[in-house]
């Protein structure tokens, strides 16, 4: 039963092959949109209000956390 085939030496290929045009399109999109978060300074107060339930932090704690994230 195929005793001469060594499965350790067989190579399998990834099921998805990357199209060169698709890769270039992705690179162009990342060049335009990829560093948007770095260029724009986030509003930490809105980030906190989206992620955490209201009342979890006091106003003083929110202010202190925003200062920490800003620096």
C-alpha atoms as a PDB file:
ATOM      1  CA  UNK A   1       0.000   0.000   0.000  1.00  0.00           C
ATOM      2  CA  UNK A   2       2.163   2.912  -1.259  1.00  0.00           C
ATOM      3  CA  UNK A   3       4.940   2.085   1.180  1.00  0.00           C
ATOM      4  CA  UNK A   4       7.479   4.037  -0.875  1.00  0.00           C
ATOM      5  CA  UNK A   5       5.722   7.433  -0.412  1.00  0.00           C
ATOM      6  CA  UNK A   6       7.107   9.483   2.457  1.00  0.00           C
ATOM      7  CA  UNK A   7       4.338  11.850   3.580  1.00  0.00           C
ATOM      8  CA  UNK A   8       6.804  14.027   5.482  1.00  0.00           C
ATOM      9  CA  UNK A   9       8.429  15.104   2.209  1.00  0.00           C
ATOM     10  CA  UNK A  10       5.260  15.892   0.263  1.00  0.00           C
ATOM     11  CA  UNK A  11       4.349  19.533  -0.062  1.00  0.00           C
ATOM     12  CA  UNK A  12       0.824  20.833   0.094  1.00  0.00           C
ATOM     13  CA  UNK A  13      -0.141  24.158  -1.384  1.00  0.00           C
ATOM     14  CA  UNK A  14      -2.319  26.755   0.258  1.00  0.00           C
ATOM     15  CA  UNK A  15      -5.880  26.489  -1.074  1.00  0.00           C
ATOM     16  CA  UNK A  16      -6.101  30.197  -1.913  1.00  0.00           C
ATOM     17  CA  UNK A  17      -3.693  31.606  -4.460  1.00  0.00           C
ATOM     18  CA  UNK A  18      -3.159  35.378  -4.411  1.00  0.00           C
ATOM     19  CA  UNK A  19      -3.863  37.206  -7.649  1.00  0.00           C
ATOM     20  CA  UNK A  20      -1.154  39.782  -8.408  1.00  0.00           C
ATOM     21  CA  UNK A  21      -3.720  42.424  -9.418  1.00  0.00           C
ATOM     22  CA  UNK A  22      -5.668  41.878  -6.214  1.00  0.00           C
ATOM     23  CA  UNK A  23      -2.471  42.206  -4.206  1.00  0.00           C
ATOM     24  CA  UNK A  24      -1.619  45.517  -5.900  1.00  0.00           C
ATOM     25  CA  UNK A  25      -5.159  46.790  -5.309  1.00  0.00           C
ATOM     26  CA  UNK A  26      -4.852  45.885  -1.636  1.00  0.00           C
ATOM     27  CA  UNK A  27      -1.472  47.635  -1.416  1.00  0.00           C
ATOM     28  CA  UNK A  28      -2.934  50.803  -2.967  1.00  0.00           C
ATOM     29  CA  UNK A  29      -5.898  50.714  -0.569  1.00  0.00           C
ATOM     30  CA  UNK A  30      -3.606  50.242   2.441  1.00  0.00           C
ATOM     31  CA  UNK A  31      -1.405  53.097   1.263  1.00  0.00           C
ATOM     32  CA  UNK A  32      -4.414  55.410   1.169  1.00  0.00           C
ATOM     33  CA  UNK A  33      -6.385  54.095   4.149  1.00  0.00           C
ATOM     34  CA  UNK A  34      -4.022  51.997   6.245  1.00  0.00           C
ATOM     35  CA  UNK A  35      -2.496  54.705   8.405  1.00  0.00           C
ATOM     36  CA  UNK A  36      -5.655  56.752   8.890  1.00  0.00           C
ATOM     37  CA  UNK A  37      -5.839  55.894  12.583  1.00  0.00           C
ATOM     38  CA  UNK A  38      -2.290  57.100  13.104  1.00  0.00           C
ATOM     39  CA  UNK A  39      -2.895  60.444  11.389  1.00  0.00           C
ATOM     40  CA  UNK A  40      -6.125  61.184  13.234  1.00  0.00           C
ATOM     41  CA  UNK A  41      -5.963  61.618  16.983  1.00  0.00           C
ATOM     42  CA  UNK A  42      -8.834  59.597  18.450  1.00  0.00           C
ATOM     43  CA  UNK A  43     -11.382  61.124  20.768  1.00  0.00           C
ATOM     44  CA  UNK A  44     -10.652  59.009  23.823  1.00  0.00           C
ATOM     45  CA  UNK A  45     -13.856  60.003  25.585  1.00  0.00           C
ATOM     46  CA  UNK A  46     -15.976  58.634  22.727  1.00  0.00           C
ATOM     47  CA  UNK A  47     -13.831  55.487  22.566  1.00  0.00           C
ATOM     48  CA  UNK A  48     -14.436  54.920  26.274  1.00  0.00           C
ATOM     49  CA  UNK A  49     -18.176  55.550  25.977  1.00  0.00           C
ATOM     50  CA  UNK A  50     -18.450  53.069  23.070  1.00  0.00           C
ATOM     51  CA  UNK A  51     -16.508  50.305  24.807  1.00  0.00           C
ATOM     52  CA  UNK A  52     -17.674  50.508  28.411  1.00  0.00           C
ATOM     53  CA  UNK A  53     -21.128  50.764  29.967  1.00  0.00           C
ATOM     54  CA  UNK A  54     -22.311  54.103  31.327  1.00  0.00           C
ATOM     55  CA  UNK A  55     -21.531  54.498  35.016  1.00  0.00           C
ATOM     56  CA  UNK A  56     -18.609  52.080  35.062  1.00  0.00           C
ATOM     57  CA  UNK A  57     -16.123  54.939  35.529  1.00  0.00           C
ATOM     58  CA  UNK A  58     -16.613  58.205  37.377  1.00  0.00           C
ATOM     59  CA  UNK A  59     -15.978  61.480  35.541  1.00  0.00           C
ATOM     60  CA  UNK A  60     -12.643  61.874  37.358  1.00  0.00           C
ATOM     61  CA  UNK A  61     -11.569  58.365  36.323  1.00  0.00           C
ATOM     62  CA  UNK A  62     -12.542  59.017  32.692  1.00  0.00           C
ATOM     63  CA  UNK A  63     -10.561  62.273  32.710  1.00  0.00           C
ATOM     64  CA  UNK A  64      -7.514  60.528  34.211  1.00  0.00           C
ATOM     65  CA  UNK A  65      -7.697  57.652  31.741  1.00  0.00           C
ATOM     66  CA  UNK A  66      -8.020  60.053  28.807  1.00  0.00           C
ATOM     67  CA  UNK A  67      -4.935  61.924  30.012  1.00  0.00           C
ATOM     68  CA  UNK A  68      -2.995  58.655  30.280  1.00  0.00           C
ATOM     69  CA  UNK A  69      -3.956  57.633  26.736  1.00  0.00           C
ATOM     70  CA  UNK A  70      -3.118  61.058  25.372  1.00  0.00           C
ATOM     71  CA  UNK A  71       0.447  60.886  26.745  1.00  0.00           C
END
